[in-house]
Each structure stands twice: as C-alpha cells, then as structure tokens.
C-alpha cells in the first residue's frame, strides 16, 4: 500500500469511527426519548402521591410505595376488567388465527379456481366498509349485544394480516403439498400437518398483532357492551383517564398509612397493569417477528 492509499485508508477509518460514535449517540438519545414516557408512568405509579403533586418525581420514584397497586388490585371493577380482557384476548386471538389461516390457505394454492376474483373482493373491504351504524345493526340483529361474541366476531379477520399470511403460505414449496397429497392427505391435513408447522414465524407474528389489538381494544366495548360486568380493562382505564370516574382525588389506604394515593398515581398504576402482560409476551415471539413480517410481506 503506497503512502497516498494509506492516508486515505486512515481518513476513511477515522470518518467511519466518527460516524459510528455520532450514530451511537443519536440512537441512545432516540431510545431515551422513546422509553422515558413509559419510565415516567412507572415511577409516578411507584411514588407517594404528595411527592407527585409537589412535582418532585422526575427520574426516580420518590417515597417508594406500592399502595396505588394495592388499591387498584383491590378494586372489583379493575379485577373484573382484567379477567374479561384475558378472556377476550385469548379467545379472540384464537378465532383470528383460525379464520385467517383457513381463509389464507386456499387463496395460496395455485390450483384454486377463481382466487383472483375472491382476492379482489377481499381487498375491496380494505378500502370500503359498511360503517359503524350498519355494523352495529348487524351485531344487534344477531343478538350479540352484551355478549362475548360482540368482542370477537365483528373483527374475526384482519384483511391485511390475512394477506400477509397468504403470502407466507405461498413461499412454502409446493412440492411439500404435492407429496402429502400423493400420500392421501386432504387439504385440511396438509394445512394442519405441513403448512402450519412450516409457518411458525408468521403465526407468532400474527399472534402478537392480534393479541395486542384485542388487549388494547375498547371501541367495541363502548358500542356493544352495556353491562359493567363485561367491560374490559381498557374501557375501565378510559373511564378513569378521560371521564375521571374515581371515588375521590385522594384516598388514604392501609389504615393510617402515611402514604396518600391520589388520582394520578392510581391511573398510572392501572396503565402499568394493563401494559405489562403484553410487554412480557413480546420477548418470547420477538425472534419470529422480523422473519415472519419480511417473508410474509416481500415474497409472493
């Protein structure tokens, strides 16, 4: 290497190092800006109410206490909402995955006659729908008001997610399906024994998408559920945050406890309670997430 090339190599190395340092600093700042709101909610929920009112809570909990969590978990409506949300999320996600795969599989088969027309009809629903009032009338006519089915069936299939699953199914070698067919397997057996075991990345990804959607959903509850006993946790949280439906702004708990649980700390503790389960699930499906989305959205 001559002297000129050596100097250029040194300059490039220094430039790349400077870029790496600047890029690292920028990404750390971006992570801090992204995580701080959630961190702030967490430390507010763990701080004494009086310290929160005084504006002392910035980076760390002040006068650490779990009284707001004790109060939240002792509230019958919150416990009932958490139970209802678990039921709606688990059953709804199962229905979503089952219906989406049953719809995506035949549309992924090359020998399915008329799949182009069917796909156009399905894609049409992504841009045009009946609207809120016709949907409500359908749910009402089917006697699903104030039932669990009102939280599950109206959104049984996401068109976008179904198309992603279909695209992933199309990436599976057709020779596998043909060999199973030659061995006497029917379409349902091929789906259950060949396609689904080969589709764990996209299934895990869609499981996360559907589960998060159900867990955060409250609009269907506002429209279709009138009984308080059926309300999900997000509806109860919405009432607390938007309407301020609490017994009082300050409540002493624990029988003479020196800590005060105020409206803000109680709201933030319920936010943490409603967010934590999804955060705990994500690490288990994260390894499938990128692979599932990339294969399901690019190939086809």
C-alpha atoms as a PDB file:
ATOM      1  CA  UNK A   1       0.000   0.000   0.000  1.00  0.00           C
ATOM      2  CA  UNK A   2       1.521   3.323  -1.050  1.00  0.00           C
ATOM      3  CA  UNK A   3       1.551   6.428   1.133  1.00  0.00           C
ATOM      4  CA  UNK A   4      -1.481   8.085  -0.547  1.00  0.00           C
ATOM      5  CA  UNK A   5      -3.646   4.980  -0.233  1.00  0.00           C
ATOM      6  CA  UNK A   6      -2.517   4.553   3.370  1.00  0.00           C
ATOM      7  CA  UNK A   7      -3.550   8.132   4.223  1.00  0.00           C
ATOM      8  CA  UNK A   8      -6.932   7.638   2.500  1.00  0.00           C
ATOM      9  CA  UNK A   9      -7.448   4.429   4.468  1.00  0.00           C
ATOM     10  CA  UNK A  10      -6.682   6.276   7.725  1.00  0.00           C
ATOM     11  CA  UNK A  11      -9.073   9.113   6.838  1.00  0.00           C
ATOM     12  CA  UNK A  12     -11.821   6.639   5.953  1.00  0.00           C
ATOM     13  CA  UNK A  13     -11.265   4.777   9.188  1.00  0.00           C
ATOM     14  CA  UNK A  14     -11.436   7.982  11.238  1.00  0.00           C
ATOM     15  CA  UNK A  15     -14.549   9.110   9.350  1.00  0.00           C
ATOM     16  CA  UNK A  16     -16.246   5.770   9.907  1.00  0.00           C
ATOM     17  CA  UNK A  17     -15.376   5.872  13.595  1.00  0.00           C
ATOM     18  CA  UNK A  18     -16.752   9.385  13.937  1.00  0.00           C
ATOM     19  CA  UNK A  19     -19.912   8.279  12.157  1.00  0.00           C
ATOM     20  CA  UNK A  20     -20.246   5.262  14.455  1.00  0.00           C
ATOM     21  CA  UNK A  21     -19.864   7.452  17.531  1.00  0.00           C
ATOM     22  CA  UNK A  22     -22.393  10.007  16.292  1.00  0.00           C
ATOM     23  CA  UNK A  23     -24.781   7.261  15.246  1.00  0.00           C
ATOM     24  CA  UNK A  24     -24.471   5.572  18.662  1.00  0.00           C
ATOM     25  CA  UNK A  25     -25.132   8.839  20.485  1.00  0.00           C
ATOM     26  CA  UNK A  26     -28.134   9.573  18.282  1.00  0.00           C
ATOM     27  CA  UNK A  27     -29.590   6.092  18.804  1.00  0.00           C
ATOM     28  CA  UNK A  28     -29.092   6.319  22.574  1.00  0.00           C
ATOM     29  CA  UNK A  29     -30.896   9.666  22.618  1.00  0.00           C
ATOM     30  CA  UNK A  30     -33.677   8.171  20.500  1.00  0.00           C
ATOM     31  CA  UNK A  31     -34.005   5.226  22.885  1.00  0.00           C
ATOM     32  CA  UNK A  32     -34.095   7.592  25.873  1.00  0.00           C
ATOM     33  CA  UNK A  33     -36.788   9.769  24.289  1.00  0.00           C
ATOM     34  CA  UNK A  34     -38.812   6.662  23.401  1.00  0.00           C
ATOM     35  CA  UNK A  35     -38.524   4.927  26.774  1.00  0.00           C
ATOM     36  CA  UNK A  36     -38.805   7.929  29.087  1.00  0.00           C
ATOM     37  CA  UNK A  37     -42.618   8.319  28.817  1.00  0.00           C
ATOM     38  CA  UNK A  38     -43.115   4.708  29.903  1.00  0.00           C
ATOM     39  CA  UNK A  39     -40.456   5.090  32.609  1.00  0.00           C
ATOM     40  CA  UNK A  40     -42.193   8.255  33.836  1.00  0.00           C
ATOM     41  CA  UNK A  41     -45.514   6.445  34.081  1.00  0.00           C
ATOM     42  CA  UNK A  42     -43.813   3.662  36.059  1.00  0.00           C
ATOM     43  CA  UNK A  43     -42.082   5.962  38.564  1.00  0.00           C
ATOM     44  CA  UNK A  44     -45.253   8.022  39.076  1.00  0.00           C
ATOM     45  CA  UNK A  45     -47.161   4.839  39.916  1.00  0.00           C
ATOM     46  CA  UNK A  46     -44.464   3.878  42.441  1.00  0.00           C
ATOM     47  CA  UNK A  47     -44.209   7.286  44.140  1.00  0.00           C
ATOM     48  CA  UNK A  48     -46.018   8.889  47.024  1.00  0.00           C
ATOM     49  CA  UNK A  49     -48.995  10.955  45.883  1.00  0.00           C
ATOM     50  CA  UNK A  50     -47.861  14.035  47.772  1.00  0.00           C
ATOM     51  CA  UNK A  51     -44.478  13.939  46.022  1.00  0.00           C
ATOM     52  CA  UNK A  52     -46.224  13.689  42.665  1.00  0.00           C
ATOM     53  CA  UNK A  53     -48.399  16.706  43.479  1.00  0.00           C
ATOM     54  CA  UNK A  54     -45.306  18.647  44.532  1.00  0.00           C
ATOM     55  CA  UNK A  55     -43.606  17.884  41.201  1.00  0.00           C
ATOM     56  CA  UNK A  56     -40.665  16.076  42.803  1.00  0.00           C
ATOM     57  CA  UNK A  57     -40.846  12.974  40.606  1.00  0.00           C
ATOM     58  CA  UNK A  58     -38.612  13.337  37.540  1.00  0.00           C
ATOM     59  CA  UNK A  59     -36.202  10.419  37.098  1.00  0.00           C
ATOM     60  CA  UNK A  60     -36.690   8.142  40.120  1.00  0.00           C
ATOM     61  CA  UNK A  61     -39.585   7.207  42.413  1.00  0.00           C
ATOM     62  CA  UNK A  62     -39.917   9.464  45.437  1.00  0.00           C
ATOM     63  CA  UNK A  63     -41.021   7.832  48.707  1.00  0.00           C
ATOM     64  CA  UNK A  64     -41.393   4.429  47.043  1.00  0.00           C
ATOM     65  CA  UNK A  65     -44.757   2.787  47.664  1.00  0.00           C
ATOM     66  CA  UNK A  66     -46.990   0.093  46.180  1.00  0.00           C
ATOM     67  CA  UNK A  67     -50.162   1.467  47.709  1.00  0.00           C
ATOM     68  CA  UNK A  68     -51.598   2.559  44.360  1.00  0.00           C
ATOM     69  CA  UNK A  69     -51.179  -1.000  43.036  1.00  0.00           C
ATOM     70  CA  UNK A  70     -52.789  -2.430  46.157  1.00  0.00           C
ATOM     71  CA  UNK A  71     -55.732  -0.095  45.721  1.00  0.00           C
ATOM     72  CA  UNK A  72     -56.036  -0.872  42.007  1.00  0.00           C
ATOM     73  CA  UNK A  73     -55.881  -4.640  42.516  1.00  0.00           C
ATOM     74  CA  UNK A  74     -58.401  -4.461  45.358  1.00  0.00           C
ATOM     75  CA  UNK A  75     -60.924  -2.697  43.118  1.00  0.00           C
ATOM     76  CA  UNK A  76     -63.525  -5.213  41.925  1.00  0.00           C
ATOM     77  CA  UNK A  77     -64.106  -3.439  38.599  1.00  0.00           C
ATOM     78  CA  UNK A  78     -60.404  -3.461  37.713  1.00  0.00           C
ATOM     79  CA  UNK A  79     -60.020  -7.135  38.615  1.00  0.00           C
ATOM     80  CA  UNK A  80     -63.144  -7.968  36.608  1.00  0.00           C
ATOM     81  CA  UNK A  81     -61.892  -5.887  33.666  1.00  0.00           C
ATOM     82  CA  UNK A  82     -58.528  -7.644  33.733  1.00  0.00           C
ATOM     83  CA  UNK A  83     -60.250 -11.045  33.717  1.00  0.00           C
ATOM     84  CA  UNK A  84     -62.539 -10.015  30.863  1.00  0.00           C
ATOM     85  CA  UNK A  85     -59.600  -8.698  28.836  1.00  0.00           C
ATOM     86  CA  UNK A  86     -57.768 -12.006  29.266  1.00  0.00           C
ATOM     87  CA  UNK A  87     -60.836 -13.884  28.041  1.00  0.00           C
ATOM     88  CA  UNK A  88     -61.404 -11.577  25.074  1.00  0.00           C
ATOM     89  CA  UNK A  89     -57.725 -11.610  24.105  1.00  0.00           C
ATOM     90  CA  UNK A  90     -57.154 -15.372  24.283  1.00  0.00           C
ATOM     91  CA  UNK A  91     -60.410 -16.420  22.646  1.00  0.00           C
ATOM     92  CA  UNK A  92     -60.344 -13.585  20.112  1.00  0.00           C
ATOM     93  CA  UNK A  93     -56.763 -14.264  19.083  1.00  0.00           C
ATOM     94  CA  UNK A  94     -57.540 -17.971  18.620  1.00  0.00           C
ATOM     95  CA  UNK A  95     -60.541 -17.135  16.407  1.00  0.00           C
ATOM     96  CA  UNK A  96     -58.487 -14.567  14.457  1.00  0.00           C
ATOM     97  CA  UNK A  97     -55.663 -17.009  13.717  1.00  0.00           C
ATOM     98  CA  UNK A  98     -58.008 -19.861  12.841  1.00  0.00           C
ATOM     99  CA  UNK A  99     -60.179 -17.789  10.499  1.00  0.00           C
ATOM    100  CA  UNK A 100     -57.219 -16.012   8.894  1.00  0.00           C
ATOM    101  CA  UNK A 101     -55.359 -19.253   8.154  1.00  0.00           C
ATOM    102  CA  UNK A 102     -58.470 -21.006   6.876  1.00  0.00           C
ATOM    103  CA  UNK A 103     -59.030 -18.091   4.503  1.00  0.00           C
ATOM    104  CA  UNK A 104     -55.372 -17.655   3.519  1.00  0.00           C
ATOM    105  CA  UNK A 105     -54.625 -21.307   2.759  1.00  0.00           C
ATOM    106  CA  UNK A 106     -56.994 -21.862  -0.201  1.00  0.00           C
ATOM    107  CA  UNK A 107     -56.053 -18.461  -1.624  1.00  0.00           C
ATOM    108  CA  UNK A 108     -52.399 -19.515  -1.560  1.00  0.00           C
ATOM    109  CA  UNK A 109     -52.997 -22.687  -3.582  1.00  0.00           C
ATOM    110  CA  UNK A 110     -52.144 -22.283  -7.289  1.00  0.00           C
ATOM    111  CA  UNK A 111     -54.945 -24.633  -8.388  1.00  0.00           C
ATOM    112  CA  UNK A 112     -57.719 -22.726  -6.621  1.00  0.00           C
ATOM    113  CA  UNK A 113     -60.057 -21.574  -9.403  1.00  0.00           C
ATOM    114  CA  UNK A 114     -61.301 -18.003  -9.083  1.00  0.00           C
ATOM    115  CA  UNK A 115     -58.889 -16.954  -6.350  1.00  0.00           C
ATOM    116  CA  UNK A 116     -58.126 -13.745  -8.254  1.00  0.00           C
ATOM    117  CA  UNK A 117     -61.765 -12.651  -8.084  1.00  0.00           C
ATOM    118  CA  UNK A 118     -62.027 -13.638  -4.426  1.00  0.00           C
ATOM    119  CA  UNK A 119     -58.846 -11.688  -3.603  1.00  0.00           C
ATOM    120  CA  UNK A 120     -60.218  -8.583  -5.314  1.00  0.00           C
ATOM    121  CA  UNK A 121     -63.403  -8.845  -3.274  1.00  0.00           C
ATOM    122  CA  UNK A 122     -61.361  -9.219  -0.068  1.00  0.00           C
ATOM    123  CA  UNK A 123     -59.042  -6.314  -0.889  1.00  0.00           C
ATOM    124  CA  UNK A 124     -62.124  -4.195  -1.653  1.00  0.00           C
ATOM    125  CA  UNK A 125     -63.102  -4.431   2.025  1.00  0.00           C
ATOM    126  CA  UNK A 126     -59.818  -2.736   3.000  1.00  0.00           C
ATOM    127  CA  UNK A 127     -60.965   0.488   1.363  1.00  0.00           C
ATOM    128  CA  UNK A 128     -64.756   0.360   1.678  1.00  0.00           C
ATOM    129  CA  UNK A 129     -66.868  -0.875   4.572  1.00  0.00           C
ATOM    130  CA  UNK A 130     -70.448  -0.576   5.731  1.00  0.00           C
ATOM    131  CA  UNK A 131     -69.541   1.758   8.572  1.00  0.00           C
ATOM    132  CA  UNK A 132     -70.255   1.876  12.267  1.00  0.00           C
ATOM    133  CA  UNK A 133     -74.050   2.065  12.187  1.00  0.00           C
ATOM    134  CA  UNK A 134     -74.657  -0.849   9.741  1.00  0.00           C
ATOM    135  CA  UNK A 135     -72.161  -2.938  11.689  1.00  0.00           C
ATOM    136  CA  UNK A 136     -73.959  -2.163  14.937  1.00  0.00           C
ATOM    137  CA  UNK A 137     -77.301  -3.101  13.349  1.00  0.00           C
ATOM    138  CA  UNK A 138     -75.860  -6.448  12.202  1.00  0.00           C
ATOM    139  CA  UNK A 139     -74.449  -7.194  15.664  1.00  0.00           C
ATOM    140  CA  UNK A 140     -77.758  -6.228  17.228  1.00  0.00           C
ATOM    141  CA  UNK A 141     -79.807  -8.379  14.834  1.00  0.00           C
ATOM    142  CA  UNK A 142     -77.574 -11.352  15.617  1.00  0.00           C
ATOM    143  CA  UNK A 143     -78.327 -10.847  19.340  1.00  0.00           C
ATOM    144  CA  UNK A 144     -74.652 -10.386  20.187  1.00  0.00           C
ATOM    145  CA  UNK A 145     -75.104  -7.192  22.236  1.00  0.00           C
ATOM    146  CA  UNK A 146     -73.782  -7.692  25.782  1.00  0.00           C
ATOM    147  CA  UNK A 147     -72.123 -10.992  24.877  1.00  0.00           C
ATOM    148  CA  UNK A 148     -68.526 -12.076  24.442  1.00  0.00           C
ATOM    149  CA  UNK A 149     -69.157 -12.626  20.734  1.00  0.00           C
ATOM    150  CA  UNK A 150     -69.581  -8.903  20.165  1.00  0.00           C
ATOM    151  CA  UNK A 151     -65.928  -8.507  21.153  1.00  0.00           C
ATOM    152  CA  UNK A 152     -64.694 -11.327  18.900  1.00  0.00           C
ATOM    153  CA  UNK A 153     -66.756 -11.960  15.769  1.00  0.00           C
ATOM    154  CA  UNK A 154     -67.049  -8.448  14.210  1.00  0.00           C
ATOM    155  CA  UNK A 155     -63.276  -8.369  13.764  1.00  0.00           C
ATOM    156  CA  UNK A 156     -62.671 -12.078  13.250  1.00  0.00           C
ATOM    157  CA  UNK A 157     -60.375 -11.458  10.262  1.00  0.00           C
ATOM    158  CA  UNK A 158     -57.994  -8.612   9.536  1.00  0.00           C
ATOM    159  CA  UNK A 159     -57.722  -8.357   5.758  1.00  0.00           C
ATOM    160  CA  UNK A 160     -54.141  -7.101   5.874  1.00  0.00           C
ATOM    161  CA  UNK A 161     -52.998  -9.836   8.250  1.00  0.00           C
ATOM    162  CA  UNK A 162     -54.745 -12.489   6.183  1.00  0.00           C
ATOM    163  CA  UNK A 163     -52.937 -11.300   3.035  1.00  0.00           C
ATOM    164  CA  UNK A 164     -49.589 -11.437   4.862  1.00  0.00           C
ATOM    165  CA  UNK A 165     -50.326 -14.999   6.000  1.00  0.00           C
ATOM    166  CA  UNK A 166     -51.365 -15.947   2.457  1.00  0.00           C
ATOM    167  CA  UNK A 167     -48.112 -14.553   1.068  1.00  0.00           C
ATOM    168  CA  UNK A 168     -46.141 -16.575   3.620  1.00  0.00           C
ATOM    169  CA  UNK A 169     -48.047 -19.741   2.703  1.00  0.00           C
ATOM    170  CA  UNK A 170     -47.153 -19.124  -0.948  1.00  0.00           C
ATOM    171  CA  UNK A 171     -43.445 -19.166  -0.008  1.00  0.00           C
ATOM    172  CA  UNK A 172     -43.731 -22.790   1.198  1.00  0.00           C
ATOM    173  CA  UNK A 173     -42.527 -25.158  -1.572  1.00  0.00           C
ATOM    174  CA  UNK A 174     -45.481 -26.599  -3.446  1.00  0.00           C
ATOM    175  CA  UNK A 175     -43.620 -29.917  -3.650  1.00  0.00           C
ATOM    176  CA  UNK A 176     -44.331 -30.478   0.066  1.00  0.00           C
ATOM    177  CA  UNK A 177     -48.063 -30.111  -0.509  1.00  0.00           C
ATOM    178  CA  UNK A 178     -47.967 -32.299  -3.606  1.00  0.00           C
ATOM    179  CA  UNK A 179     -46.062 -35.092  -1.861  1.00  0.00           C
ATOM    180  CA  UNK A 180     -48.541 -35.050   1.034  1.00  0.00           C
ATOM    181  CA  UNK A 181     -51.414 -35.104  -1.454  1.00  0.00           C
ATOM    182  CA  UNK A 182     -49.912 -38.134  -3.197  1.00  0.00           C
ATOM    183  CA  UNK A 183     -49.765 -39.877   0.160  1.00  0.00           C
ATOM    184  CA  UNK A 184     -53.531 -39.423   0.502  1.00  0.00           C
ATOM    185  CA  UNK A 185     -53.688 -36.289   2.651  1.00  0.00           C
ATOM    186  CA  UNK A 186     -56.619 -33.951   2.085  1.00  0.00           C
ATOM    187  CA  UNK A 187     -56.384 -30.157   2.208  1.00  0.00           C
ATOM    188  CA  UNK A 188     -57.182 -29.927   5.915  1.00  0.00           C
ATOM    189  CA  UNK A 189     -54.496 -32.487   6.768  1.00  0.00           C
ATOM    190  CA  UNK A 190     -51.983 -30.654   4.566  1.00  0.00           C
ATOM    191  CA  UNK A 191     -52.801 -27.399   6.363  1.00  0.00           C
ATOM    192  CA  UNK A 192     -52.508 -28.922   9.837  1.00  0.00           C
ATOM    193  CA  UNK A 193     -49.502 -31.200   9.273  1.00  0.00           C
ATOM    194  CA  UNK A 194     -47.453 -29.426   6.601  1.00  0.00           C
ATOM    195  CA  UNK A 195     -48.311 -25.761   6.237  1.00  0.00           C
ATOM    196  CA  UNK A 196     -48.827 -24.716   9.867  1.00  0.00           C
ATOM    197  CA  UNK A 197     -45.638 -26.409  11.225  1.00  0.00           C
ATOM    198  CA  UNK A 198     -43.681 -24.600   8.483  1.00  0.00           C
ATOM    199  CA  UNK A 199     -45.337 -21.276   9.321  1.00  0.00           C
ATOM    200  CA  UNK A 200     -44.407 -20.742  12.973  1.00  0.00           C
ATOM    201  CA  UNK A 201     -42.709 -17.356  12.291  1.00  0.00           C
ATOM    202  CA  UNK A 202     -45.792 -15.810  10.676  1.00  0.00           C
ATOM    203  CA  UNK A 203     -48.123 -17.422  13.214  1.00  0.00           C
ATOM    204  CA  UNK A 204     -46.111 -15.958  16.100  1.00  0.00           C
ATOM    205  CA  UNK A 205     -46.114 -12.559  14.398  1.00  0.00           C
ATOM    206  CA  UNK A 206     -49.848 -12.583  13.774  1.00  0.00           C
ATOM    207  CA  UNK A 207     -50.441 -13.854  17.305  1.00  0.00           C
ATOM    208  CA  UNK A 208     -48.685 -10.747  18.595  1.00  0.00           C
ATOM    209  CA  UNK A 209     -50.583  -8.435  16.226  1.00  0.00           C
ATOM    210  CA  UNK A 210     -53.979  -9.878  17.056  1.00  0.00           C
ATOM    211  CA  UNK A 211     -53.301 -10.170  20.798  1.00  0.00           C
ATOM    212  CA  UNK A 212     -52.149  -6.557  21.077  1.00  0.00           C
ATOM    213  CA  UNK A 213     -55.195  -5.439  19.103  1.00  0.00           C
ATOM    214  CA  UNK A 214     -57.582  -7.272  21.416  1.00  0.00           C
ATOM    215  CA  UNK A 215     -55.736  -6.229  24.560  1.00  0.00           C
ATOM    216  CA  UNK A 216     -55.855  -2.523  23.652  1.00  0.00           C
ATOM    217  CA  UNK A 217     -59.376  -2.583  22.212  1.00  0.00           C
ATOM    218  CA  UNK A 218     -62.098  -0.574  23.904  1.00  0.00           C
ATOM    219  CA  UNK A 219     -64.170   0.761  20.972  1.00  0.00           C
ATOM    220  CA  UNK A 220     -66.182  -2.440  20.540  1.00  0.00           C
ATOM    221  CA  UNK A 221     -66.899  -2.425  24.264  1.00  0.00           C
ATOM    222  CA  UNK A 222     -68.228   1.137  24.036  1.00  0.00           C
ATOM    223  CA  UNK A 223     -70.517   0.146  21.172  1.00  0.00           C
ATOM    224  CA  UNK A 224     -71.697  -3.334  22.107  1.00  0.00           C
ATOM    225  CA  UNK A 225     -71.340  -3.793  25.874  1.00  0.00           C
ATOM    226  CA  UNK A 226     -73.702  -2.085  28.303  1.00  0.00           C
ATOM    227  CA  UNK A 227     -73.138  -4.309  31.329  1.00  0.00           C
ATOM    228  CA  UNK A 228     -70.303  -3.174  33.577  1.00  0.00           C
ATOM    229  CA  UNK A 229     -69.517  -6.783  34.456  1.00  0.00           C
ATOM    230  CA  UNK A 230     -68.475  -7.399  30.812  1.00  0.00           C
ATOM    231  CA  UNK A 231     -66.309  -4.303  30.378  1.00  0.00           C
ATOM    232  CA  UNK A 232     -62.627  -4.945  29.508  1.00  0.00           C
ATOM    233  CA  UNK A 233     -59.769  -3.320  31.374  1.00  0.00           C
ATOM    234  CA  UNK A 234     -59.145  -0.732  28.659  1.00  0.00           C
ATOM    235  CA  UNK A 235     -62.695   0.612  28.965  1.00  0.00           C
ATOM    236  CA  UNK A 236     -62.263   0.974  32.709  1.00  0.00           C
ATOM    237  CA  UNK A 237     -58.935   2.708  32.154  1.00  0.00           C
ATOM    238  CA  UNK A 238     -60.540   5.014  29.599  1.00  0.00           C
ATOM    239  CA  UNK A 239     -63.240   5.970  32.090  1.00  0.00           C
ATOM    240  CA  UNK A 240     -60.567   6.724  34.667  1.00  0.00           C
ATOM    241  CA  UNK A 241     -58.365   8.788  32.364  1.00  0.00           C
ATOM    242  CA  UNK A 242     -60.959  10.566  30.219  1.00  0.00           C
ATOM    243  CA  UNK A 243     -64.010  10.841  32.452  1.00  0.00           C
ATOM    244  CA  UNK A 244     -62.216  10.863  35.805  1.00  0.00           C
ATOM    245  CA  UNK A 245     -64.515   8.232  37.251  1.00  0.00           C
ATOM    246  CA  UNK A 246     -62.820   7.695  40.611  1.00  0.00           C
ATOM    247  CA  UNK A 247     -64.209   7.752  44.140  1.00  0.00           C
ATOM    248  CA  UNK A 248     -62.067  10.715  45.105  1.00  0.00           C
ATOM    249  CA  UNK A 249     -58.929  12.623  44.247  1.00  0.00           C
ATOM    250  CA  UNK A 250     -57.126  11.481  47.406  1.00  0.00           C
ATOM    251  CA  UNK A 251     -57.623   8.246  49.317  1.00  0.00           C
ATOM    252  CA  UNK A 252     -55.816   7.065  52.429  1.00  0.00           C
ATOM    253  CA  UNK A 253     -55.250   3.331  52.304  1.00  0.00           C
ATOM    254  CA  UNK A 254     -53.666   0.829  54.603  1.00  0.00           C
ATOM    255  CA  UNK A 255     -55.362   2.102  57.757  1.00  0.00           C
ATOM    256  CA  UNK A 256     -53.335   5.062  58.954  1.00  0.00           C
ATOM    257  CA  UNK A 257     -50.651   4.714  56.302  1.00  0.00           C
ATOM    258  CA  UNK A 258     -48.563   7.834  55.770  1.00  0.00           C
ATOM    259  CA  UNK A 259     -48.782   7.427  52.020  1.00  0.00           C
ATOM    260  CA  UNK A 260     -51.513   9.088  50.016  1.00  0.00           C
ATOM    261  CA  UNK A 261     -52.771   7.527  46.817  1.00  0.00           C
ATOM    262  CA  UNK A 262     -54.097  10.215  44.528  1.00  0.00           C
ATOM    263  CA  UNK A 263     -55.965  10.053  41.273  1.00  0.00           C
ATOM    264  CA  UNK A 264     -52.837  10.393  39.106  1.00  0.00           C
ATOM    265  CA  UNK A 265     -50.873   7.586  40.757  1.00  0.00           C
ATOM    266  CA  UNK A 266     -53.885   5.275  40.590  1.00  0.00           C
ATOM    267  CA  UNK A 267     -54.370   5.999  36.884  1.00  0.00           C
ATOM    268  CA  UNK A 268     -50.718   5.352  36.137  1.00  0.00           C
ATOM    269  CA  UNK A 269     -50.668   2.122  38.128  1.00  0.00           C
ATOM    270  CA  UNK A 270     -53.636   0.834  36.094  1.00  0.00           C
ATOM    271  CA  UNK A 271     -51.785   1.825  32.895  1.00  0.00           C
ATOM    272  CA  UNK A 272     -48.800  -0.262  34.002  1.00  0.00           C
ATOM    273  CA  UNK A 273     -51.053  -3.180  34.943  1.00  0.00           C
ATOM    274  CA  UNK A 274     -52.727  -3.059  31.522  1.00  0.00           C
ATOM    275  CA  UNK A 275     -49.424  -2.775  29.621  1.00  0.00           C
ATOM    276  CA  UNK A 276     -47.192  -5.231  31.468  1.00  0.00           C
ATOM    277  CA  UNK A 277     -48.677  -8.529  30.152  1.00  0.00           C
ATOM    278  CA  UNK A 278     -48.048  -7.576  26.516  1.00  0.00           C
ATOM    279  CA  UNK A 279     -44.508  -6.485  27.362  1.00  0.00           C
ATOM    280  CA  UNK A 280     -43.880  -9.866  28.972  1.00  0.00           C
ATOM    281  CA  UNK A 281     -45.190 -11.764  25.940  1.00  0.00           C
ATOM    282  CA  UNK A 282     -43.170  -9.858  23.335  1.00  0.00           C
ATOM    283  CA  UNK A 283     -39.689 -11.299  24.149  1.00  0.00           C
ATOM    284  CA  UNK A 284     -40.969 -14.835  23.511  1.00  0.00           C
ATOM    285  CA  UNK A 285     -42.177 -14.046  19.973  1.00  0.00           C
ATOM    286  CA  UNK A 286     -39.600 -11.396  19.059  1.00  0.00           C
ATOM    287  CA  UNK A 287     -37.252 -13.912  17.412  1.00  0.00           C
ATOM    288  CA  UNK A 288     -40.002 -14.810  14.927  1.00  0.00           C
ATOM    289  CA  UNK A 289     -41.196 -11.256  14.419  1.00  0.00           C
ATOM    290  CA  UNK A 290     -38.791  -9.885  11.785  1.00  0.00           C
ATOM    291  CA  UNK A 291     -38.604 -13.153   9.846  1.00  0.00           C
ATOM    292  CA  UNK A 292     -42.361 -13.528   9.748  1.00  0.00           C
ATOM    293  CA  UNK A 293     -43.071  -9.985   8.599  1.00  0.00           C
ATOM    294  CA  UNK A 294     -40.307  -9.902   5.986  1.00  0.00           C
ATOM    295  CA  UNK A 295     -41.158 -13.245   4.378  1.00  0.00           C
ATOM    296  CA  UNK A 296     -44.889 -12.637   4.602  1.00  0.00           C
ATOM    297  CA  UNK A 297     -44.765  -9.171   3.060  1.00  0.00           C
ATOM    298  CA  UNK A 298     -41.980  -9.396   0.441  1.00  0.00           C
ATOM    299  CA  UNK A 299     -42.436 -12.765  -1.234  1.00  0.00           C
ATOM    300  CA  UNK A 300     -45.388 -13.543  -3.428  1.00  0.00           C
END
